[in-house]
Protein backbone atom coordinates (compact mmCIF):
# COMPACT_ATOMS: atom_id res chain seq x y z
CA MET A 1 191.14 60.32 -135.88
CA ALA A 2 189.38 61.13 -133.28
CA GLU A 3 186.56 59.25 -131.54
CA SER A 4 186.46 57.20 -134.94
CA SER A 5 183.93 54.68 -134.95
CA ASP A 6 186.09 52.71 -138.14
CA THR A 7 186.34 48.83 -136.95
CA VAL A 8 189.45 46.94 -137.16
CA PRO A 9 190.81 43.66 -137.42
CA PRO A 10 190.82 41.76 -134.41
CA GLU A 11 194.05 40.76 -134.12
CA ARG A 12 197.50 42.36 -135.96
CA SER A 13 200.48 40.32 -137.24
CA ALA A 14 202.56 39.26 -134.14
CA GLY A 15 205.45 41.02 -135.24
CA GLU A 16 206.25 45.07 -135.22
CA SER A 17 206.12 45.23 -138.81
CA GLY A 18 203.27 42.96 -139.47
CA GLY A 19 205.77 41.81 -142.51
CA ARG A 20 206.02 44.67 -144.25
CA THR A 21 209.53 45.85 -145.91
CA GLY A 22 211.03 48.88 -146.38
CA PRO A 23 214.10 51.50 -145.46
CA GLY A 24 216.39 50.97 -142.31
CA GLY A 25 217.96 47.70 -143.55
CA ARG A 26 215.05 45.15 -143.11
CA ARG A 27 215.90 42.14 -145.03
CA PRO A 28 212.36 41.04 -146.86
CA ALA A 29 211.22 37.48 -147.28
CA GLN A 30 212.26 35.74 -150.49
CA PRO A 31 209.34 34.92 -153.12
CA GLY A 32 210.35 31.69 -152.98
CA LEU A 33 210.26 31.45 -149.43
CA SER A 34 209.71 27.46 -148.18
CA LEU A 35 207.76 27.03 -144.83
CA HIS A 36 208.49 23.27 -144.95
CA GLY A 37 204.84 21.86 -144.67
CA TRP A 38 203.59 25.18 -143.01
CA GLY A 39 200.64 26.70 -144.57
CA VAL A 40 200.05 30.60 -144.45
CA GLY A 41 196.79 31.61 -144.03
CA VAL A 42 195.08 28.56 -141.80
CA ALA A 43 196.12 30.31 -138.93
CA VAL A 44 195.06 33.51 -139.47
CA VAL A 45 191.59 32.77 -140.87
CA ALA A 46 191.18 30.82 -137.23
CA LEU A 47 192.23 33.60 -135.37
CA LEU A 48 190.01 36.47 -136.97
CA ALA A 49 187.30 34.07 -136.57
CA ALA A 50 187.98 34.29 -133.28
CA GLY A 51 186.76 37.84 -132.64
CA ILE A 52 188.46 40.10 -130.18
CA ILE A 53 190.60 38.31 -127.22
CA GLY A 54 187.88 37.09 -124.66
CA GLY A 55 185.28 38.97 -126.18
CA ILE A 56 182.11 37.91 -127.88
CA VAL A 57 182.42 35.85 -131.59
CA GLY A 58 181.77 38.29 -133.83
CA SER A 59 182.15 41.53 -131.88
CA LEU A 60 184.26 44.61 -133.07
CA ILE A 61 186.33 46.97 -131.28
CA THR A 62 185.88 50.55 -132.32
CA GLY A 63 188.12 53.35 -131.53
CA PHE A 64 186.15 54.98 -128.71
CA THR A 65 184.90 53.82 -124.89
CA SER A 66 181.80 53.97 -122.91
CA LEU A 67 181.15 52.75 -119.25
CA GLY A 68 177.59 51.14 -119.09
CA ALA A 69 175.35 51.74 -116.29
CA GLY A 70 175.75 49.02 -113.79
CA ARG A 71 175.54 47.83 -110.06
CA SER A 72 176.32 50.55 -107.66
CA GLY A 73 176.67 47.99 -104.94
CA SER A 74 177.95 49.79 -101.71
CA CYS A 75 179.42 52.55 -103.98
CA ARG A 76 178.12 55.99 -103.14
CA VAL A 77 178.13 57.39 -107.03
CA ALA A 78 176.97 60.84 -105.94
CA ASP A 79 180.09 61.03 -103.62
CA VAL A 80 182.34 59.96 -106.34
CA ALA A 81 180.77 62.15 -108.86
CA ALA A 82 181.36 65.25 -106.48
CA LYS A 83 185.23 64.15 -106.22
CA VAL A 84 185.91 63.09 -109.86
CA LEU A 85 184.10 65.49 -111.84
CA PRO A 86 185.79 68.61 -111.38
CA ALA A 87 189.20 67.18 -112.81
CA VAL A 88 187.56 65.76 -115.85
CA VAL A 89 187.69 67.71 -119.31
CA THR A 90 186.14 67.80 -122.40
CA ILE A 91 188.46 67.76 -125.06
CA SER A 92 188.10 69.60 -128.72
CA VAL A 93 190.47 69.07 -131.27
CA ARG A 94 190.47 70.45 -134.76
CA GLY A 95 193.34 70.28 -137.28
CA GLN A 96 194.27 68.69 -140.82
CA GLY A 97 193.55 65.65 -139.80
CA GLY A 98 190.11 66.56 -138.74
CA SER A 99 188.40 67.26 -135.74
CA GLY A 100 186.92 65.44 -132.86
CA SER A 101 186.20 65.46 -129.21
CA GLY A 102 186.54 63.24 -126.26
CA SER A 103 187.80 63.24 -122.22
CA GLY A 104 190.49 63.76 -120.42
CA VAL A 105 191.73 63.67 -116.62
CA ILE A 106 193.87 66.28 -114.82
CA ILE A 107 196.31 64.56 -112.71
CA SER A 108 198.45 67.49 -111.12
CA SER A 109 197.20 71.21 -110.34
CA ASP A 110 199.54 72.75 -113.13
CA GLY A 111 197.00 71.42 -115.65
CA THR A 112 198.47 68.22 -117.03
CA VAL A 113 196.05 66.00 -118.49
CA VAL A 114 195.97 62.34 -119.54
CA THR A 115 193.71 61.28 -122.09
CA ASN A 116 193.87 58.80 -125.28
CA ASP A 117 196.04 59.51 -128.41
CA HIS A 118 193.28 58.81 -130.96
CA VAL A 119 191.19 61.93 -128.78
CA ILE A 120 193.87 64.17 -129.96
CA SER A 121 195.44 62.59 -133.23
CA ALA A 122 194.00 65.05 -135.41
CA GLY A 123 195.16 68.05 -134.11
CA ALA A 124 198.57 66.54 -133.13
CA ASP A 125 200.62 68.18 -136.11
CA GLY A 126 199.98 71.91 -135.51
CA GLY A 127 196.29 71.70 -134.85
CA ARG A 128 194.39 73.58 -132.11
CA ILE A 129 193.56 71.69 -129.13
CA SER A 130 191.51 73.05 -126.23
CA VAL A 131 189.67 71.67 -122.84
CA THR A 132 186.36 72.81 -121.27
CA LEU A 133 186.92 72.60 -117.49
CA ASP A 134 183.90 71.12 -115.50
CA ASP A 135 182.81 74.71 -114.70
CA GLY A 136 182.43 75.40 -118.41
CA THR A 137 185.74 77.42 -118.96
CA GLU A 138 187.49 76.85 -121.90
CA LYS A 139 190.96 76.83 -122.19
CA PRO A 140 193.78 76.16 -124.77
CA ALA A 141 196.10 73.12 -123.97
CA ARG A 142 199.29 71.87 -125.85
CA LEU A 143 200.42 68.33 -126.85
CA ILE A 144 203.26 67.33 -124.25
CA GLY A 145 203.56 63.96 -125.56
CA ARG A 146 202.00 60.91 -126.92
CA ASP A 147 202.06 57.39 -127.32
CA PRO A 148 199.98 55.07 -130.14
CA THR A 149 201.16 51.67 -128.70
CA THR A 150 199.44 52.40 -125.41
CA ASP A 151 196.57 54.88 -127.03
CA LEU A 152 197.99 57.53 -124.20
CA ALA A 153 198.42 61.23 -124.44
CA VAL A 154 199.32 64.02 -122.34
CA LEU A 155 198.12 67.58 -122.57
CA ARG A 156 199.17 70.63 -120.59
CA ILE A 157 196.06 73.47 -120.22
CA GLU A 158 197.58 76.79 -120.68
CA GLY A 159 197.50 78.95 -117.77
CA GLY A 160 196.48 75.79 -115.43
CA GLY A 161 197.21 77.34 -112.03
CA ASN A 162 195.59 75.38 -109.10
CA LEU A 163 193.24 73.01 -110.93
CA PRO A 164 191.43 70.12 -109.12
CA THR A 165 193.06 66.65 -109.68
CA THR A 166 192.10 62.83 -109.43
CA PRO A 167 194.98 60.85 -107.89
CA TRP A 168 196.36 57.48 -109.37
CA GLY A 169 195.16 54.35 -107.78
CA ASP A 170 196.06 50.84 -107.61
CA SER A 171 194.51 48.81 -110.68
CA GLY A 172 196.28 45.76 -109.39
CA ALA A 173 194.20 45.48 -106.62
CA LEU A 174 190.78 45.29 -108.52
CA VAL A 175 188.72 42.25 -108.59
CA VAL A 176 186.33 41.09 -110.88
CA GLY A 177 182.63 42.29 -109.60
CA GLN A 178 183.92 45.58 -107.60
CA PRO A 179 181.69 48.50 -108.44
CA VAL A 180 183.66 51.21 -110.65
CA VAL A 181 182.40 54.81 -112.01
CA ALA A 182 183.17 56.32 -115.34
CA ALA A 183 183.27 60.16 -115.90
CA GLY A 184 183.75 61.46 -119.19
CA ALA A 185 181.62 63.41 -122.30
CA PRO A 186 179.76 60.78 -123.94
CA LEU A 187 178.55 62.14 -127.18
CA GLY A 188 180.01 65.69 -125.70
CA LEU A 189 177.60 65.90 -122.66
CA SER A 190 180.30 67.02 -120.33
CA GLY A 191 180.19 65.96 -117.14
CA THR A 192 178.46 62.40 -117.24
CA ILE A 193 178.65 59.80 -114.88
CA THR A 194 177.98 56.30 -115.29
CA ASN A 195 178.47 53.03 -113.19
CA GLY A 196 179.05 49.36 -113.24
CA VAL A 197 181.68 46.73 -112.09
CA ILE A 198 184.91 45.18 -113.24
CA SER A 199 183.70 42.74 -115.59
CA ALA A 200 187.15 41.36 -116.16
CA LEU A 201 190.56 41.75 -115.87
CA GLY A 202 193.72 41.10 -118.35
CA ARG A 203 192.08 41.57 -121.53
CA ASP A 204 194.59 42.15 -124.52
CA VAL A 205 192.08 44.14 -127.33
CA PRO A 206 193.08 45.32 -130.51
CA VAL A 207 192.03 49.10 -131.09
CA PRO A 208 192.85 51.22 -134.42
CA THR A 209 195.54 53.71 -134.40
CA ASP A 210 196.84 56.15 -137.22
CA ASP A 211 198.82 53.65 -138.58
CA GLY A 212 196.99 50.55 -138.46
CA SER A 213 196.12 49.08 -134.83
CA THR A 214 197.76 48.52 -131.39
CA ILE A 215 197.20 46.19 -128.47
CA LEU A 216 195.58 47.54 -125.25
CA VAL A 217 197.53 45.12 -123.03
CA GLY A 218 195.97 43.69 -119.98
CA SER A 219 193.08 46.25 -120.02
CA ILE A 220 190.26 46.34 -117.57
CA GLN A 221 186.80 45.24 -118.71
CA THR A 222 183.70 47.15 -117.38
CA ASP A 223 180.10 47.14 -117.92
CA ALA A 224 179.86 50.88 -117.12
CA SER A 225 178.50 52.53 -119.92
CA ILE A 226 181.17 53.69 -122.40
CA ASN A 227 179.99 55.76 -125.82
CA PRO A 228 181.74 57.68 -128.14
CA GLY A 229 183.09 60.76 -126.53
CA ASN A 230 184.13 58.64 -123.10
CA SER A 231 187.40 58.24 -124.77
CA GLY A 232 190.14 59.82 -122.07
CA GLY A 233 188.00 59.73 -119.28
CA ALA A 234 188.03 58.69 -116.14
CA LEU A 235 187.25 54.90 -114.69
CA VAL A 236 187.67 55.26 -110.81
CA THR A 237 187.20 53.28 -107.73
CA CYS A 238 184.03 53.87 -105.11
CA SER A 239 186.92 56.07 -103.14
CA GLY A 240 187.63 58.13 -106.14
CA HIS A 241 191.20 57.06 -107.56
CA LEU A 242 191.96 56.41 -111.01
CA VAL A 243 192.21 53.12 -111.79
CA GLY A 244 191.78 53.24 -115.96
CA ILE A 245 191.53 55.51 -118.97
CA ASN A 246 188.60 54.44 -120.99
CA THR A 247 189.75 53.52 -124.55
CA ALA A 248 187.30 51.34 -126.55
CA ILE A 249 184.07 49.55 -126.73
CA ALA A 250 182.95 46.52 -128.19
CA THR A 251 180.18 46.35 -130.49
CA VAL A 252 177.96 44.01 -132.50
CA PRO A 253 178.20 44.03 -136.16
CA ASP A 254 175.12 45.39 -138.24
CA ALA A 255 173.99 43.91 -141.44
CA ASN A 256 177.18 45.82 -143.11
CA GLY A 257 179.62 44.37 -140.93
CA THR A 258 180.15 47.39 -139.30
CA GLY A 259 180.20 48.27 -135.84
CA GLY A 260 176.83 49.69 -134.29
CA GLY A 261 178.42 52.40 -132.79
CA GLY A 262 176.89 52.52 -128.86
CA SER A 263 177.55 50.65 -125.77
CA VAL A 264 176.67 46.96 -125.63
CA GLY A 265 178.05 47.05 -121.88
CA ILE A 266 181.70 45.84 -122.82
CA GLY A 267 183.97 48.63 -122.41
CA PHE A 268 188.02 48.58 -121.79
CA ALA A 269 190.18 51.03 -120.11
CA VAL A 270 194.13 51.23 -119.84
CA PRO A 271 194.88 50.30 -116.43
CA ALA A 272 196.51 52.56 -114.36
CA SER A 273 199.51 50.18 -113.89
CA VAL A 274 200.08 50.74 -117.95
CA ALA A 275 198.83 54.68 -118.15
CA GLN A 276 200.75 55.84 -114.97
CA PRO A 277 204.35 54.94 -116.13
CA ILE A 278 203.79 55.82 -119.64
CA THR A 279 202.13 59.14 -118.67
CA GLN A 280 205.24 60.23 -116.70
CA GLU A 281 207.82 58.89 -119.54
CA LEU A 282 205.67 61.57 -121.68
CA ILE A 283 205.89 64.04 -119.12
CA ASP A 284 209.79 63.46 -118.36
CA HIS A 285 210.71 62.79 -122.52
CA GLY A 286 207.68 63.55 -124.65
CA ARG A 287 207.49 59.83 -126.06
CA ALA A 288 207.46 56.52 -124.78
CA SER A 289 210.12 53.66 -125.38
CA HIS A 290 208.86 50.34 -125.76
CA PRO A 291 210.81 47.09 -126.40
CA THR A 292 210.95 45.60 -129.98
CA PHE A 293 212.03 41.94 -131.33
CA GLY A 294 213.19 43.93 -134.52
CA MET A 295 211.42 41.53 -137.06
CA GLY A 296 208.27 40.70 -138.75
CA THR A 297 206.29 37.65 -138.51
CA LEU A 298 203.67 35.75 -140.06
CA PRO A 299 201.31 33.08 -138.41
CA VAL A 300 201.62 29.91 -140.01
CA SER A 301 200.33 26.02 -139.23
CA ARG A 302 200.53 22.69 -139.87
CA PRO A 303 199.03 19.37 -138.21
CA ASP A 304 201.32 17.65 -135.72
CA ALA A 305 201.36 13.89 -135.13
CA SER A 306 197.95 13.76 -133.72
CA GLY A 307 196.23 15.90 -136.60
CA ARG A 308 195.87 18.75 -134.24
CA GLU A 309 196.92 22.22 -135.90
CA GLU A 310 200.04 23.61 -134.78
CA VAL A 311 200.87 27.16 -135.13
CA GLY A 312 204.05 28.74 -135.67
CA LEU A 313 205.30 32.14 -136.40
CA ALA A 314 207.16 32.72 -139.98
CA VAL A 315 209.73 35.10 -139.99
CA THR A 316 209.40 37.36 -142.84
CA SER A 317 211.74 40.39 -142.30
CA VAL A 318 214.49 41.03 -139.94
CA ASP A 319 216.07 44.50 -139.27
CA SER A 320 219.77 45.19 -139.91
CA GLN A 321 221.49 44.82 -136.45
CA GLY A 322 218.33 44.70 -134.65
CA PRO A 323 217.64 42.20 -131.76
CA ALA A 324 216.66 39.38 -133.76
CA ASP A 325 219.36 40.06 -136.34
CA GLN A 326 221.77 39.99 -133.33
CA ALA A 327 220.53 36.45 -131.91
CA GLY A 328 221.12 35.07 -135.31
CA ILE A 329 217.47 34.73 -136.82
CA LEU A 330 217.02 34.49 -140.68
CA VAL A 331 214.18 34.94 -142.79
CA GLY A 332 212.35 31.86 -143.35
CA ASP A 333 212.76 30.59 -139.70
CA ILE A 334 209.55 29.51 -138.02
CA ILE A 335 209.52 30.32 -134.56
CA ILE A 336 207.37 27.23 -132.47
CA THR A 337 207.84 28.04 -129.08
CA VAL A 338 208.51 31.46 -127.06
CA SER A 339 209.81 31.13 -123.47
CA GLY A 340 208.82 27.49 -123.37
CA VAL A 341 205.47 28.29 -124.59
CA ASP A 342 204.23 26.43 -127.72
CA GLN A 343 200.35 27.34 -128.05
CA LEU A 344 201.27 30.81 -130.42
CA HIS A 345 198.79 33.03 -131.96
CA ALA A 346 199.17 36.15 -134.29
CA ASP A 347 200.24 38.58 -130.89
CA THR A 348 202.13 36.49 -128.85
CA LEU A 349 205.37 38.51 -129.84
CA ALA A 350 203.74 41.53 -129.97
CA HIS A 351 201.82 41.06 -126.27
CA LEU A 352 205.34 40.07 -124.76
CA ALA A 353 207.29 43.09 -126.24
CA ALA A 354 204.26 45.06 -124.47
CA THR A 355 204.79 43.58 -121.10
CA SER A 356 208.31 43.31 -121.14
CA SER A 357 211.01 46.07 -120.37
CA VAL A 358 214.02 47.19 -122.99
CA GLY A 359 217.00 44.78 -122.38
CA ALA A 360 214.55 41.80 -121.51
CA ALA A 361 215.94 38.32 -122.74
CA VAL A 362 213.15 36.00 -124.58
CA GLN A 363 214.13 32.59 -125.40
CA LEU A 364 212.71 31.47 -128.67
CA THR A 365 213.14 27.92 -130.21
CA LEU A 366 213.06 28.06 -134.31
CA LEU A 367 212.91 25.42 -137.21
CA ARG A 368 215.42 26.20 -140.02
CA GLY A 369 214.68 23.48 -142.68
CA GLU A 370 214.13 20.64 -140.36
CA GLN A 371 217.03 21.45 -137.75
CA GLN A 372 215.82 22.94 -134.43
CA HIS A 373 217.69 25.98 -133.13
CA GLU A 374 217.63 27.65 -129.26
CA VAL A 375 218.22 31.40 -129.50
CA THR A 376 217.91 34.15 -126.94
CA VAL A 377 216.83 37.66 -128.24
CA ARG A 378 217.49 40.36 -126.09
CA LEU A 379 214.48 43.17 -126.93
CA ALA A 380 215.64 46.84 -127.35
CA ALA A 381 214.05 50.24 -127.56
CA SER A 382 212.04 50.67 -130.57
């Protein structure tokens, strides 16, 4: 739902399916599944209490973004605005799923626009999508492709012609404290500029999707003010290069436990290192492929010899002929290390899949009963 202010749980289950069962050969967990001393729920409570990864305890993530006013440093914000605003559009969506608005960035002169999937989702199935250019001209746009996993989508403006563009930048070269500028249409106010700094890098942030939630892997955190309507807009360097797509903000819960709805100076953007290749894949194929383990898992825990809580991932379902199945993993197995790392949490596998390529080999250590097994899972396209 475009620019939703619904809050979501801070983390999703570590497996792609979250333990759900259904068609396609998925083998469900048996009612009498024994976890051999591992307790379900303890790890989940601990993870939920932690809030967003790297965020303020108790803060919530909402499905919109805003960049907050920050320190401009040596950044000439007026010059950046003059470069970037002509290539930033306001997106309006109307469809059976509702209506909404957001922002987008023109990345090629033929009118190709990158934005957030949640901005256009309401009109993705036969709805009406239009964009308003910086000069106030409104034009229809068609959906080229969408990827809920990374919360990205690509539109093309009808009759685009020779439109101004914003060039991609190198998000890998960003440093904490570096000034940045955000451009978009917060609360429908087209052509809005805010500035701030890179507050942190590499944040893994859960955000809502049509089917539940996804994780923005390695996102950029900024204090540039972001509010509803900024989603899909540009996060740029002082040279005007696109280093992020503004996507989400953290909010402080109110008395009802829901988000406040405005910027508190903690915004998140999909980095260009993720957005650029996904955008190109959407342009080329209309969809993006992501690796999968082909199994669902649930966090479990038990005390180790020293009394410390040891977290594992209990396998709750396995896709028939999927990567986990081919590696010999069974429902009821407990994953205790992933690529040699034994500090696991609910999103360990989801994070690894999101940052790996199709065909990547992942080493897992399993407990089956009291026996320990080493297996290699080769990730396949979902």
